[in-house]
Amino acid sequence: QVQLVESGGGLVQAGGSLRLSCAASGRTFSAYTMAWFRQAPGKEREFVAAINRGGSTYYTDYVKGRFTISRDNAKNTVYLQMNSLRPEDTAVYYCAADTNPSIVFPSRTKGAYDYWGQGTQVTVSS
């Protein structure tokens, strides 16, 4: 069983920055692929970024160059640094863990991730 707890969301003006954190339980955190998804009101939950056990990263096109995913295995934590935020980035951001080593990286599919956090709200004002 893996528990994920996100933090760091809030209200920020367009062009500003936020850093999201996701603290994970479990002794094998370093073996998981971790990802961030987001869900805006009335929309489907969508993939944002992922990082695998080796530190390789993958981003969806609309955040490339603005967002950075990273992990600290000593702290069982994954981060999402978000810069140059836009109003369209407004959403609830979710942390997810893929504990299945057979899943090919990267996976943008929600079904590939077997544990989820409760989400943290990010609101970007214009």
Protein backbone atom coordinates (compact mmCIF):
# COMPACT_ATOMS: atom_id res chain seq x y z
CA GLN A 1 0.00 0.00 0.00
CA VAL A 2 1.32 3.40 -0.98
CA GLN A 3 -0.01 6.68 0.34
CA LEU A 4 0.60 9.92 -1.52
CA VAL A 5 0.12 13.38 -0.04
CA GLU A 6 0.41 16.47 -2.21
CA SER A 7 1.14 19.99 -1.01
CA GLY A 8 2.22 23.35 -2.37
CA GLY A 9 -0.82 24.42 -4.34
CA GLY A 10 -2.30 27.89 -4.09
CA LEU A 11 -3.25 31.08 -5.88
CA VAL A 12 -0.67 32.78 -8.08
CA GLN A 13 -0.71 35.47 -10.74
CA ALA A 14 0.00 34.66 -14.36
CA GLY A 15 3.73 34.46 -14.95
CA GLY A 16 4.38 33.33 -11.40
CA SER A 17 5.75 30.07 -10.01
CA LEU A 18 4.71 27.31 -7.65
CA ARG A 19 6.41 24.17 -6.45
CA LEU A 20 4.26 21.15 -5.73
CA SER A 21 5.46 18.33 -3.50
CA CYS A 22 4.20 14.78 -3.15
CA ALA A 23 5.32 12.77 -0.15
CA ALA A 24 5.03 9.00 -0.52
CA SER A 25 4.96 6.17 1.96
CA GLY A 26 6.62 2.87 1.21
CA ARG A 27 10.14 1.54 1.41
CA THR A 28 10.52 1.05 -2.33
CA PHE A 29 9.68 4.57 -3.49
CA SER A 30 12.88 4.72 -5.51
CA ALA A 31 11.60 1.89 -7.73
CA TYR A 32 8.36 3.62 -8.70
CA THR A 33 7.61 5.72 -11.70
CA MET A 34 5.99 8.90 -10.41
CA ALA A 35 3.78 11.28 -12.32
CA TRP A 36 1.71 14.41 -12.08
CA PHE A 37 -1.73 14.73 -13.64
CA ARG A 38 -4.17 17.61 -13.50
CA GLN A 39 -7.90 18.07 -13.82
CA ALA A 40 -9.61 21.33 -14.65
CA PRO A 41 -13.33 21.84 -13.94
CA GLY A 42 -15.45 19.98 -16.45
CA LYS A 43 -12.46 18.33 -18.10
CA GLU A 44 -10.83 14.93 -18.04
CA ARG A 45 -7.81 14.29 -15.86
CA GLU A 46 -4.77 14.75 -18.06
CA PHE A 47 -1.13 13.79 -17.92
CA VAL A 48 1.43 16.47 -17.09
CA ALA A 49 4.82 14.88 -16.40
CA ALA A 50 6.49 11.68 -15.24
CA ILE A 51 9.84 10.57 -13.86
CA ASN A 52 11.06 7.00 -13.71
CA ARG A 53 13.34 5.19 -11.29
CA GLY A 54 16.39 6.15 -13.30
CA GLY A 55 15.52 9.84 -13.31
CA SER A 56 14.37 10.01 -16.91
CA THR A 57 11.60 12.53 -17.39
CA TYR A 58 8.77 13.05 -19.84
CA TYR A 59 6.44 16.02 -20.29
CA THR A 60 3.32 16.77 -22.16
CA ASP A 61 3.89 19.40 -24.85
CA TYR A 62 2.01 22.24 -23.21
CA VAL A 63 4.26 22.30 -20.14
CA LYS A 64 7.64 21.64 -21.76
CA GLY A 65 10.11 24.36 -20.88
CA ARG A 66 7.90 25.65 -18.04
CA PHE A 67 7.49 22.71 -15.66
CA THR A 68 10.17 20.47 -14.16
CA ILE A 69 9.55 17.16 -12.42
CA SER A 70 12.16 15.85 -10.01
CA ARG A 71 12.46 13.37 -7.17
CA ASP A 72 14.37 12.99 -3.93
CA ASN A 73 14.46 9.30 -3.09
CA ALA A 74 16.00 9.96 0.32
CA LYS A 75 12.88 11.95 1.21
CA ASN A 76 10.38 9.76 -0.68
CA THR A 77 9.21 12.90 -2.43
CA VAL A 78 8.50 13.96 -5.98
CA TYR A 79 8.28 17.60 -7.00
CA LEU A 80 6.75 19.65 -9.77
CA GLN A 81 8.33 23.05 -10.27
CA MET A 82 5.94 25.19 -12.28
CA ASN A 83 7.19 28.42 -13.83
CA SER A 84 5.60 30.94 -16.21
CA LEU A 85 2.18 29.84 -15.06
CA ARG A 86 -0.83 30.61 -17.22
CA PRO A 87 -4.53 30.84 -16.35
CA GLU A 88 -5.09 27.66 -18.36
CA ASP A 89 -2.83 25.82 -15.88
CA THR A 90 -5.57 26.22 -13.28
CA ALA A 91 -6.57 22.75 -12.09
CA VAL A 92 -6.38 20.25 -9.28
CA TYR A 93 -2.98 18.60 -9.54
CA TYR A 94 -2.63 14.94 -8.60
CA CYS A 95 0.42 12.88 -7.82
CA ALA A 96 0.41 9.27 -9.00
CA ALA A 97 2.62 6.22 -8.54
CA ASP A 98 3.19 3.35 -10.91
CA THR A 99 4.51 0.42 -8.87
CA ASN A 100 4.38 -2.10 -11.71
CA PRO A 101 7.86 -2.61 -13.19
CA SER A 102 6.40 -4.03 -16.41
CA ILE A 103 4.74 -0.76 -17.43
CA VAL A 104 6.72 0.84 -20.23
CA PHE A 105 7.95 4.36 -19.50
CA PRO A 106 6.57 6.85 -20.16
CA SER A 107 2.92 6.19 -19.70
CA ARG A 108 0.43 9.03 -20.12
CA THR A 109 -2.45 6.72 -19.28
CA LYS A 110 -4.26 7.06 -15.96
CA GLY A 111 -4.73 3.31 -15.79
CA ALA A 112 -0.98 2.72 -15.62
CA TYR A 113 -0.85 4.35 -12.20
CA ASP A 114 -2.13 2.36 -9.26
CA TYR A 115 -1.89 4.89 -6.44
CA TRP A 116 -3.11 8.49 -6.33
CA GLY A 117 -2.98 11.40 -3.97
CA GLN A 118 -5.94 13.54 -2.97
CA GLY A 119 -4.92 16.46 -5.15
CA THR A 120 -3.89 20.06 -4.55
CA GLN A 121 -5.58 23.08 -6.11
CA VAL A 122 -3.57 25.43 -8.31
CA THR A 123 -5.27 28.64 -9.39
CA VAL A 124 -3.60 31.08 -11.78
CA SER A 125 -5.18 34.50 -12.06
CA SER A 126 -4.88 36.67 -15.15
